[in-house]
C-alpha atoms as a PDB file:
ATOM      1  CA  MET A   1      52.886  13.673  10.650  1.00  0.00           C
ATOM      2  CA  VAL A   2      55.154  10.965   9.543  1.00  0.00           C
ATOM      3  CA  THR A   3      55.024  10.263   5.525  1.00  0.00           C
ATOM      4  CA  GLN A   4      55.619   6.219   4.408  1.00  0.00           C
ATOM      5  CA  ARG A   5      59.207   7.242   3.835  1.00  0.00           C
ATOM      6  CA  GLY A   6      59.440   8.431   7.604  1.00  0.00           C
ATOM      7  CA  LYS A   7      60.431  11.809   6.700  1.00  0.00           C
ATOM      8  CA  MET A   8      58.518  14.453   8.673  1.00  0.00           C
ATOM      9  CA  LEU A   9      56.245  16.727   6.950  1.00  0.00           C
ATOM     10  CA  HIS A  10      56.237  20.560   7.212  1.00  0.00           C
ATOM     11  CA  PRO A  11      53.807  22.063   9.385  1.00  0.00           C
ATOM     12  CA  TYR A  12      52.761  24.283   6.932  1.00  0.00           C
ATOM     13  CA  ARG A  13      52.316  21.402   4.694  1.00  0.00           C
ATOM     14  CA  ILE A  14      50.093  19.152   7.126  1.00  0.00           C
ATOM     15  CA  ILE A  15      47.830  22.370   7.534  1.00  0.00           C
ATOM     16  CA  CYS A  16      47.367  22.117   3.702  1.00  0.00           C
ATOM     17  CA  LEU A  17      46.749  18.898   3.649  1.00  0.00           C
ATOM     18  CA  LEU A  18      44.286  19.177   6.232  1.00  0.00           C
ATOM     19  CA  PHE A  19      42.562  22.077   4.569  1.00  0.00           C
ATOM     20  CA  LEU A  20      42.175  20.087   1.484  1.00  0.00           C
ATOM     21  CA  LEU A  21      40.707  17.106   2.820  1.00  0.00           C
ATOM     22  CA  LEU A  22      38.131  19.154   4.627  1.00  0.00           C
ATOM     23  CA  THR A  23      37.338  20.937   1.317  1.00  0.00           C
ATOM     24  CA  LEU A  24      37.066  18.029  -0.747  1.00  0.00           C
ATOM     25  CA  PRO A  25      33.854  16.395  -1.754  1.00  0.00           C
ATOM     26  CA  ALA A  26      32.530  13.784   1.009  1.00  0.00           C
ATOM     27  CA  PRO A  27      30.552  10.981  -0.532  1.00  0.00           C
ATOM     28  CA  LEU A  28      30.793   9.008   2.605  1.00  0.00           C
ATOM     29  CA  LEU A  29      29.379  11.467   4.820  1.00  0.00           C
ATOM     30  CA  ALA A  30      25.545  11.147   5.480  1.00  0.00           C
ATOM     31  CA  ARG A  31      23.269  13.119   3.914  1.00  0.00           C
ATOM     32  CA  GLU A  32      20.287  15.333   5.959  1.00  0.00           C
ATOM     33  CA  LEU A  33      17.001  13.458   5.492  1.00  0.00           C
ATOM     34  CA  ILE A  34      13.635  15.897   4.978  1.00  0.00           C
ATOM     35  CA  PHE A  35      11.078  15.539   7.591  1.00  0.00           C
ATOM     36  CA  SER A  36       7.739  16.962   6.732  1.00  0.00           C
ATOM     37  CA  PRO A  37       5.121  17.345   9.732  1.00  0.00           C
ATOM     38  CA  LEU A  38       1.530  18.205   9.219  1.00  0.00           C
ATOM     39  CA  PRO A  39       0.360  21.805   9.319  1.00  0.00           C
ATOM     40  CA  MET A  40      -1.582  21.256  12.408  1.00  0.00           C
ATOM     41  CA  MET A  41       0.286  23.498  14.759  1.00  0.00           C
ATOM     42  CA  GLN A  42       3.200  26.199  15.053  1.00  0.00           C
ATOM     43  CA  PRO A  43       6.867  25.511  13.688  1.00  0.00           C
ATOM     44  CA  ALA A  44       8.330  26.095  17.194  1.00  0.00           C
ATOM     45  CA  LEU A  45       5.650  23.844  18.753  1.00  0.00           C
ATOM     46  CA  VAL A  46       5.900  21.147  15.922  1.00  0.00           C
ATOM     47  CA  THR A  47       9.808  21.136  16.811  1.00  0.00           C
ATOM     48  CA  ARG A  48       9.254  20.440  20.291  1.00  0.00           C
ATOM     49  CA  HIS A  49       7.042  17.456  19.723  1.00  0.00           C
ATOM     50  CA  ALA A  50       8.970  15.917  16.872  1.00  0.00           C
ATOM     51  CA  ARG A  51      12.667  16.649  17.423  1.00  0.00           C
ATOM     52  CA  PRO A  52      12.958  13.996  20.159  1.00  0.00           C
ATOM     53  CA  MET A  53      11.563  11.270  17.778  1.00  0.00           C
ATOM     54  CA  LEU A  54      13.764  12.264  14.987  1.00  0.00           C
ATOM     55  CA  THR A  55      16.851  12.418  17.255  1.00  0.00           C
ATOM     56  CA  TYR A  56      16.356   8.920  18.025  1.00  0.00           C
ATOM     57  CA  LEU A  57      16.079   7.816  14.290  1.00  0.00           C
ATOM     58  CA  GLU A  58      19.142   9.696  13.504  1.00  0.00           C
ATOM     59  CA  LYS A  59      20.807   7.179  16.139  1.00  0.00           C
ATOM     60  CA  GLN A  60      19.516   4.285  14.216  1.00  0.00           C
ATOM     61  CA  LEU A  61      20.177   5.678  10.633  1.00  0.00           C
ATOM     62  CA  HIS A  62      23.586   7.197  11.330  1.00  0.00           C
ATOM     63  CA  GLU A  63      22.091   9.998   9.258  1.00  0.00           C
ATOM     64  CA  PRO A  64      20.847  13.736  10.172  1.00  0.00           C
ATOM     65  CA  ILE A  65      17.220  14.503   9.818  1.00  0.00           C
ATOM     66  CA  GLY A  66      16.037  18.111   9.260  1.00  0.00           C
ATOM     67  CA  ILE A  67      12.538  19.563   9.577  1.00  0.00           C
ATOM     68  CA  LYS A  68      10.454  21.226   6.872  1.00  0.00           C
ATOM     69  CA  PHE A  69       7.481  23.133   7.556  1.00  0.00           C
ATOM     70  CA  HIS A  70       4.798  23.245   4.803  1.00  0.00           C
ATOM     71  CA  LYS A  71       1.637  25.767   5.360  1.00  0.00           C
ATOM     72  CA  ASN A  72      -0.611  23.372   3.785  1.00  0.00           C
ATOM     73  CA  TYR A  73      -1.502  19.899   2.953  1.00  0.00           C
ATOM     74  CA  GLU A  74      -1.216  20.463  -0.800  1.00  0.00           C
ATOM     75  CA  ASP A  75       2.433  22.090  -0.405  1.00  0.00           C
ATOM     76  CA  ILE A  76       3.287  18.757   1.319  1.00  0.00           C
ATOM     77  CA  LEU A  77       2.104  16.661  -1.368  1.00  0.00           C
ATOM     78  CA  THR A  78       3.906  18.612  -4.086  1.00  0.00           C
ATOM     79  CA  SER A  79       7.258  18.825  -2.244  1.00  0.00           C
ATOM     80  CA  PHE A  80       7.230  15.010  -1.804  1.00  0.00           C
ATOM     81  CA  CYS A  81       6.500  14.043  -5.489  1.00  0.00           C
ATOM     82  CA  GLU A  82       9.112  16.374  -6.365  1.00  0.00           C
ATOM     83  CA  ASP A  83      11.678  14.408  -4.332  1.00  0.00           C
ATOM     84  CA  ARG A  84      12.228  17.326  -1.489  1.00  0.00           C
ATOM     85  CA  ILE A  85      10.640  15.322   1.124  1.00  0.00           C
ATOM     86  CA  ASP A  86      12.118  12.089   2.483  1.00  0.00           C
ATOM     87  CA  LEU A  87       9.650  11.615   5.177  1.00  0.00           C
ATOM     88  CA  ALA A  88       6.093  12.888   6.164  1.00  0.00           C
ATOM     89  CA  TYR A  89       3.330  12.388   9.025  1.00  0.00           C
ATOM     90  CA  LEU A  90       0.147  12.425   7.156  1.00  0.00           C
ATOM     91  CA  GLY A  91      -3.399  11.841   7.909  1.00  0.00           C
ATOM     92  CA  PRO A  92      -5.721   9.634   6.295  1.00  0.00           C
ATOM     93  CA  LEU A  93      -7.062  11.920   3.501  1.00  0.00           C
ATOM     94  CA  PRO A  94      -3.466  13.311   2.832  1.00  0.00           C
ATOM     95  CA  TYR A  95      -2.047   9.915   2.318  1.00  0.00           C
ATOM     96  CA  ILE A  96      -4.570   8.604  -0.071  1.00  0.00           C
ATOM     97  CA  GLN A  97      -4.490  11.636  -2.122  1.00  0.00           C
ATOM     98  CA  LEU A  98      -0.201  11.215  -2.041  1.00  0.00           C
ATOM     99  CA  GLN A  99      -0.611   7.959  -3.537  1.00  0.00           C
ATOM    100  CA  LYS A 100      -2.881   8.991  -6.428  1.00  0.00           C
ATOM    101  CA  LYS A 101      -0.187  11.778  -6.999  1.00  0.00           C
ATOM    102  CA  CYS A 102       2.905  10.041  -6.887  1.00  0.00           C
ATOM    103  CA  ASP A 103       3.813   6.160  -6.746  1.00  0.00           C
ATOM    104  CA  LYS A 104       7.006   6.062  -4.461  1.00  0.00           C
ATOM    105  CA  ILE A 105       5.097   6.561  -1.070  1.00  0.00           C
ATOM    106  CA  PHE A 106       6.104   3.722   1.509  1.00  0.00           C
ATOM    107  CA  PRO A 107       3.783   3.691   4.389  1.00  0.00           C
ATOM    108  CA  VAL A 108       6.433   3.088   7.325  1.00  0.00           C
ATOM    109  CA  VAL A 109       4.191   2.910  10.669  1.00  0.00           C
ATOM    110  CA  ARG A 110       0.610   3.789  12.264  1.00  0.00           C
ATOM    111  CA  PHE A 111       0.647   5.518  15.185  1.00  0.00           C
ATOM    112  CA  VAL A 112      -1.385   4.555  18.299  1.00  0.00           C
ATOM    113  CA  ASN A 113      -2.857   6.563  20.958  1.00  0.00           C
ATOM    114  CA  LYS A 114      -2.287   6.533  24.586  1.00  0.00           C
ATOM    115  CA  LYS A 115      -5.440   3.828  24.584  1.00  0.00           C
ATOM    116  CA  GLY A 116      -3.213   1.486  22.506  1.00  0.00           C
ATOM    117  CA  LYS A 117      -5.759   2.226  19.424  1.00  0.00           C
ATOM    118  CA  ALA A 118      -4.520   3.504  15.977  1.00  0.00           C
ATOM    119  CA  THR A 119      -7.917   5.114  15.407  1.00  0.00           C
ATOM    120  CA  TYR A 120      -9.316   8.811  15.867  1.00  0.00           C
ATOM    121  CA  THR A 121     -12.449  10.242  15.006  1.00  0.00           C
ATOM    122  CA  CYS A 122     -13.826  13.579  13.460  1.00  0.00           C
ATOM    123  CA  SER A 123     -16.986  15.526  14.756  1.00  0.00           C
ATOM    124  CA  ILE A 124     -19.299  18.463  13.879  1.00  0.00           C
ATOM    125  CA  ILE A 125     -19.204  20.995  16.854  1.00  0.00           C
ATOM    126  CA  THR A 126     -21.125  24.231  17.610  1.00  0.00           C
ATOM    127  CA  ASP A 127     -21.238  26.954  20.588  1.00  0.00           C
ATOM    128  CA  ALA A 128     -23.903  25.894  23.482  1.00  0.00           C
ATOM    129  CA  GLU A 129     -24.816  29.595  23.240  1.00  0.00           C
ATOM    130  CA  LEU A 130     -25.214  29.795  19.174  1.00  0.00           C
ATOM    131  CA  GLY A 131     -28.951  28.114  19.377  1.00  0.00           C
ATOM    132  CA  VAL A 132     -27.666  25.344  17.170  1.00  0.00           C
ATOM    133  CA  GLN A 133     -29.277  21.926  18.885  1.00  0.00           C
ATOM    134  CA  ARG A 134     -29.088  19.878  15.758  1.00  0.00           C
ATOM    135  CA  LEU A 135     -27.342  18.941  12.509  1.00  0.00           C
ATOM    136  CA  GLN A 136     -30.386  20.120  10.860  1.00  0.00           C
ATOM    137  CA  ASP A 137     -30.344  23.516  12.237  1.00  0.00           C
ATOM    138  CA  LEU A 138     -26.985  24.263  10.136  1.00  0.00           C
ATOM    139  CA  ARG A 139     -28.796  24.428   6.867  1.00  0.00           C
ATOM    140  CA  GLY A 140     -27.659  27.690   5.501  1.00  0.00           C
ATOM    141  CA  LYS A 141     -25.520  28.517   8.246  1.00  0.00           C
ATOM    142  CA  LYS A 142     -21.609  29.193   8.514  1.00  0.00           C
ATOM    143  CA  ILE A 143     -19.099  26.373   8.419  1.00  0.00           C
ATOM    144  CA  ALA A 144     -15.664  26.607   9.807  1.00  0.00           C
ATOM    145  CA  LEU A 145     -13.347  23.827   8.302  1.00  0.00           C
ATOM    146  CA  THR A 146      -9.600  23.253   8.357  1.00  0.00           C
ATOM    147  CA  GLN A 147      -8.211  22.524   4.993  1.00  0.00           C
ATOM    148  CA  PRO A 148      -9.152  21.094   1.981  1.00  0.00           C
ATOM    149  CA  LEU A 149      -7.240  17.989   2.423  1.00  0.00           C
ATOM    150  CA  SER A 150      -7.815  17.729   5.959  1.00  0.00           C
ATOM    151  CA  THR A 151      -9.684  14.282   6.564  1.00  0.00           C
ATOM    152  CA  CYS A 152     -11.637  16.138   9.444  1.00  0.00           C
ATOM    153  CA  GLY A 153     -12.293  19.095   7.002  1.00  0.00           C
ATOM    154  CA  TYR A 154     -14.461  19.000   3.879  1.00  0.00           C
ATOM    155  CA  LEU A 155     -14.477  15.271   3.630  1.00  0.00           C
ATOM    156  CA  MET A 156     -16.063  14.099   7.240  1.00  0.00           C
ATOM    157  CA  THR A 157     -18.203  17.183   7.415  1.00  0.00           C
ATOM    158  CA  ASP A 158     -20.106  16.237   4.550  1.00  0.00           C
ATOM    159  CA  VAL A 159     -20.248  12.605   5.231  1.00  0.00           C
ATOM    160  CA  LEU A 160     -21.981  13.810   8.762  1.00  0.00           C
ATOM    161  CA  LEU A 161     -24.322  16.225   7.219  1.00  0.00           C
ATOM    162  CA  ARG A 162     -25.735  13.636   4.678  1.00  0.00           C
ATOM    163  CA  LYS A 163     -26.493  11.299   7.576  1.00  0.00           C
ATOM    164  CA  ALA A 164     -28.773  14.262   8.757  1.00  0.00           C
ATOM    165  CA  GLY A 165     -29.934  14.959   4.945  1.00  0.00           C
ATOM    166  CA  LEU A 166     -27.592  17.992   4.295  1.00  0.00           C
ATOM    167  CA  ARG A 167     -24.475  18.410   2.346  1.00  0.00           C
ATOM    168  CA  LEU A 168     -22.091  21.081   2.958  1.00  0.00           C
ATOM    169  CA  ALA A 169     -23.431  22.821  -0.164  1.00  0.00           C
ATOM    170  CA  ASP A 170     -26.387  23.463   2.056  1.00  0.00           C
ATOM    171  CA  THR A 171     -24.305  25.513   4.512  1.00  0.00           C
ATOM    172  CA  ARG A 172     -22.001  28.471   3.737  1.00  0.00           C
ATOM    173  CA  TYR A 173     -18.386  27.110   4.632  1.00  0.00           C
ATOM    174  CA  ARG A 174     -14.799  28.050   4.425  1.00  0.00           C
ATOM    175  CA  TYR A 175     -11.685  27.396   4.980  1.00  0.00           C
ATOM    176  CA  VAL A 176      -9.895  28.403   8.450  1.00  0.00           C
ATOM    177  CA  GLY A 177      -6.504  26.617   8.371  1.00  0.00           C
ATOM    178  CA  ASN A 178      -6.060  24.262  11.581  1.00  0.00           C
ATOM    179  CA  HIS A 179      -8.105  22.627  14.117  1.00  0.00           C
ATOM    180  CA  ARG A 180      -7.524  25.308  16.675  1.00  0.00           C
ATOM    181  CA  LYS A 181      -8.803  27.838  14.249  1.00  0.00           C
ATOM    182  CA  VAL A 182     -11.691  25.746  13.812  1.00  0.00           C
ATOM    183  CA  ALA A 183     -12.547  25.623  17.292  1.00  0.00           C
ATOM    184  CA  LEU A 184     -12.075  29.353  18.190  1.00  0.00           C
ATOM    185  CA  THR A 185     -13.969  30.351  15.091  1.00  0.00           C
ATOM    186  CA  VAL A 186     -16.797  28.503  16.332  1.00  0.00           C
ATOM    187  CA  VAL A 187     -16.249  29.712  20.283  1.00  0.00           C
ATOM    188  CA  ARG A 188     -16.297  33.073  19.300  1.00  0.00           C
ATOM    189  CA  GLY A 189     -19.687  32.633  17.160  1.00  0.00           C
ATOM    190  CA  GLU A 190     -18.087  33.539  13.894  1.00  0.00           C
ATOM    191  CA  ALA A 191     -19.403  30.098  12.515  1.00  0.00           C
ATOM    192  CA  ASP A 192     -22.270  28.182  13.981  1.00  0.00           C
ATOM    193  CA  GLY A 193     -20.636  25.179  13.430  1.00  0.00           C
ATOM    194  CA  GLY A 194     -17.542  23.471  12.469  1.00  0.00           C
ATOM    195  CA  GLY A 195     -15.546  20.059  11.258  1.00  0.00           C
ATOM    196  CA  ILE A 196     -12.611  19.292  13.508  1.00  0.00           C
ATOM    197  CA  LYS A 197     -10.718  16.467  14.884  1.00  0.00           C
ATOM    198  CA  THR A 198     -12.785  15.166  18.244  1.00  0.00           C
ATOM    199  CA  SER A 199      -9.484  14.710  20.532  1.00  0.00           C
ATOM    200  CA  ILE A 200      -8.901  18.433  19.411  1.00  0.00           C
ATOM    201  CA  ALA A 201     -12.076  19.733  20.222  1.00  0.00           C
ATOM    202  CA  HIS A 202     -12.570  18.193  23.582  1.00  0.00           C
ATOM    203  CA  LYS A 203      -9.623  20.732  24.463  1.00  0.00           C
ATOM    204  CA  TYR A 204     -12.037  23.472  24.214  1.00  0.00           C
ATOM    205  CA  GLU A 205     -15.297  22.018  25.954  1.00  0.00           C
ATOM    206  CA  HIS A 206     -14.501  24.234  28.752  1.00  0.00           C
ATOM    207  CA  LEU A 207     -15.298  27.450  26.561  1.00  0.00           C
ATOM    208  CA  GLY A 208     -18.906  26.354  25.589  1.00  0.00           C
ATOM    209  CA  ILE A 209     -18.164  23.883  22.651  1.00  0.00           C
ATOM    210  CA  ARG A 210     -20.945  21.131  22.299  1.00  0.00           C
ATOM    211  CA  PHE A 211     -20.800  18.106  20.037  1.00  0.00           C
ATOM    212  CA  LEU A 212     -23.743  17.290  17.344  1.00  0.00           C
ATOM    213  CA  ALA A 213     -22.296  14.486  15.545  1.00  0.00           C
ATOM    214  CA  ARG A 214     -18.987  12.219  15.534  1.00  0.00           C
ATOM    215  CA  THR A 215     -17.755   9.837  12.670  1.00  0.00           C
ATOM    216  CA  PRO A 216     -17.067   5.817  13.597  1.00  0.00           C
ATOM    217  CA  PRO A 217     -13.200   5.294  14.225  1.00  0.00           C
ATOM    218  CA  LEU A 218     -11.148   6.183  11.730  1.00  0.00           C
ATOM    219  CA  PRO A 219      -7.523   4.711  10.520  1.00  0.00           C
ATOM    220  CA  GLY A 220      -5.139   6.824  12.222  1.00  0.00           C
ATOM    221  CA  PHE A 221      -2.191   9.048  11.227  1.00  0.00           C
ATOM    222  CA  LEU A 222       0.974   7.359   9.903  1.00  0.00           C
ATOM    223  CA  LEU A 223       4.535   8.429   9.227  1.00  0.00           C
ATOM    224  CA  VAL A 224       5.231   7.706   4.852  1.00  0.00           C
ATOM    225  CA  ALA A 225       8.551   7.224   3.473  1.00  0.00           C
ATOM    226  CA  ASN A 226       9.970   8.508  -0.017  1.00  0.00           C
ATOM    227  CA  GLY A 227      10.948   5.358  -2.134  1.00  0.00           C
ATOM    228  CA  ALA A 228      12.547   7.547  -4.617  1.00  0.00           C
ATOM    229  CA  THR A 229      15.273   9.328  -2.047  1.00  0.00           C
ATOM    230  CA  MET A 230      15.799   6.855   0.446  1.00  0.00           C
ATOM    231  CA  THR A 231      16.828   3.187  -0.244  1.00  0.00           C
ATOM    232  CA  PRO A 232      14.644   0.004   1.339  1.00  0.00           C
ATOM    233  CA  GLY A 233      17.167  -0.217   4.131  1.00  0.00           C
ATOM    234  CA  GLU A 234      16.877   3.147   5.341  1.00  0.00           C
ATOM    235  CA  ILE A 235      13.268   2.346   5.070  1.00  0.00           C
ATOM    236  CA  ALA A 236      13.200  -0.466   6.748  1.00  0.00           C
ATOM    237  CA  THR A 237      15.608   0.594   9.830  1.00  0.00           C
ATOM    238  CA  ILE A 238      12.866   3.190  10.892  1.00  0.00           C
ATOM    239  CA  ARG A 239      10.076   0.676  10.442  1.00  0.00           C
ATOM    240  CA  THR A 240      12.151  -1.871  12.922  1.00  0.00           C
ATOM    241  CA  ALA A 241      13.278   1.216  15.147  1.00  0.00           C
ATOM    242  CA  LEU A 242       9.411   2.499  15.707  1.00  0.00           C
ATOM    243  CA  LEU A 243       7.966  -0.921  16.054  1.00  0.00           C
ATOM    244  CA  ARG A 244      10.130  -2.557  18.871  1.00  0.00           C
ATOM    245  CA  LEU A 245       9.308   0.376  21.209  1.00  0.00           C
ATOM    246  CA  HIS A 246       6.443  -0.622  23.214  1.00  0.00           C
ATOM    247  CA  PRO A 247       5.933   2.611  25.491  1.00  0.00           C
ATOM    248  CA  LEU A 248       2.560   1.700  26.871  1.00  0.00           C
ATOM    249  CA  THR A 249       4.007  -1.635  28.487  1.00  0.00           C
ATOM    250  CA  ASP A 250       7.638  -1.252  28.501  1.00  0.00           C
ATOM    251  CA  PRO A 251       8.557   1.552  31.301  1.00  0.00           C
ATOM    252  CA  THR A 252      12.290   1.393  29.514  1.00  0.00           C
ATOM    253  CA  ASP A 253      10.594   2.086  26.195  1.00  0.00           C
ATOM    254  CA  ALA A 254       7.981   4.893  27.665  1.00  0.00           C
ATOM    255  CA  LYS A 255      11.268   6.807  29.147  1.00  0.00           C
ATOM    256  CA  ILE A 256      12.715   7.087  25.063  1.00  0.00           C
ATOM    257  CA  THR A 257       9.543   8.353  24.081  1.00  0.00           C
ATOM    258  CA  SER A 258       8.665  10.281  26.890  1.00  0.00           C
ATOM    259  CA  ASN A 259       9.236  13.672  25.796  1.00  0.00           C
ATOM    260  CA  TRP A 260       8.085  12.790  22.228  1.00  0.00           C
ATOM    261  CA  GLY A 261       4.562  14.457  20.794  1.00  0.00           C
ATOM    262  CA  GLU A 262       1.411  13.553  22.009  1.00  0.00           C
ATOM    263  CA  ARG A 263       0.150  12.043  18.710  1.00  0.00           C
ATOM    264  CA  ILE A 264       3.669   9.459  18.282  1.00  0.00           C
ATOM    265  CA  ARG A 265       5.037   8.675  22.140  1.00  0.00           C
ATOM    266  CA  TYR A 266       2.862   5.864  23.012  1.00  0.00           C
ATOM    267  CA  GLY A 267       4.111   3.284  20.231  1.00  0.00           C
ATOM    268  CA  ALA A 268       3.358   2.292  16.445  1.00  0.00           C
ATOM    269  CA  ILE A 269       1.813  -0.749  14.458  1.00  0.00           C
ATOM    270  CA  PRO A 270       2.557  -1.901  11.005  1.00  0.00           C
ATOM    271  CA  VAL A 271       0.512  -0.323   8.432  1.00  0.00           C
ATOM    272  CA  ASN A 272      -2.707  -2.189   6.637  1.00  0.00           C
ATOM    273  CA  ASP A 273      -3.282  -0.042   3.547  1.00  0.00           C
ATOM    274  CA  SER A 274      -7.098  -1.621   3.253  1.00  0.00           C
ATOM    275  CA  ASP A 275      -7.704   0.141   6.927  1.00  0.00           C
ATOM    276  CA  TYR A 276      -7.668   3.126   4.447  1.00  0.00           C
ATOM    277  CA  ASP A 277     -10.304   2.068   1.882  1.00  0.00           C
ATOM    278  CA  ILE A 278     -13.205   3.486   3.836  1.00  0.00           C
ATOM    279  CA  ILE A 279     -11.805   6.889   3.625  1.00  0.00           C
ATOM    280  CA  ARG A 280     -11.306   5.867  -0.491  1.00  0.00           C
ATOM    281  CA  LYS A 281     -14.932   5.166  -0.905  1.00  0.00           C
ATOM    282  CA  GLU A 282     -16.034   8.150   0.716  1.00  0.00           C
ATOM    283  CA  LEU A 283     -13.681  10.216  -1.311  1.00  0.00           C
ATOM    284  CA  ALA A 284     -14.792   8.853  -4.090  1.00  0.00           C
ATOM    285  CA  ARG A 285     -18.166  10.428  -4.056  1.00  0.00           C
ATOM    286  CA  THR A 286     -17.514  13.201  -2.269  1.00  0.00           C
ATOM    287  CA  PRO A 287     -15.469  15.919  -4.524  1.00  0.00           C
ATOM    288  CA  ILE A 288     -13.528  18.176  -2.268  1.00  0.00           C
ATOM    289  CA  PRO A 289     -13.715  21.954  -3.372  1.00  0.00           C
ATOM    290  CA  THR A 290     -10.436  23.710  -2.915  1.00  0.00           C
ATOM    291  CA  THR A 291     -12.410  27.068  -1.734  1.00  0.00           C
ATOM    292  CA  GLY A 292     -15.371  28.095   0.500  1.00  0.00           C
ATOM    293  CA  ASN A 293     -18.758  29.263  -0.419  1.00  0.00           C
ATOM    294  CA  ASP A 294     -19.074  31.871   2.561  1.00  0.00           C
END
């Protein structure tokens, strides 16, 4: 190394200089953003599904993105409001509840499914061998639910039961965790019915799952950003990067998203917040208990 005066630095001084440069604070280095997925799968499976999309976004942002797992929706919302989460993948109900808890949430995009639709449905299921033929047969029976803040949990299950003249309060319900656990609890005969996302229930039809009721299409899952920890430019970059991909119609884009998770690989659309008013309306008349009654 040569100084401005043309003199060579001693190798020892070069080593010391490099050490100082490496140990000094580096404000220009990008911080790590934290992404939180829904607590619907095992961490290893979530990483396999989400990491490819996050790697794609890292290249657009020139910033690293880490994954932080939470056991339930309540912890996600609390961490987000405490600025320990920068990005989160949320369903309709957690999204609305987060809006009520803190005002720094910015919807980024809403994901579509393999049919190009940004909606999904919830169902009440039973097992073919349990003898439950209709919703009215669930009065006084055991019902398995996901989590209090799961859209297909207490909220939409109660909505479906009301159409049959029942309420969840007329049953013996308990929260069992995620959708997979709901399906298996019903299949094992440990519950007479369950509230579950329809697409997940279909995966267990071969085990005897039968559908009793289904909701109309609900607004789909979305990516949200923390406006208190991310700049408008960062949020805009992520939104643009995801909206410009059209994997259902463009083979090049399809190749980019081919190893992304099933729920996020088919593309995204802009978020229209008013689409979620249907959830807000039901939530306003459906208090959600945090514990079961069974």
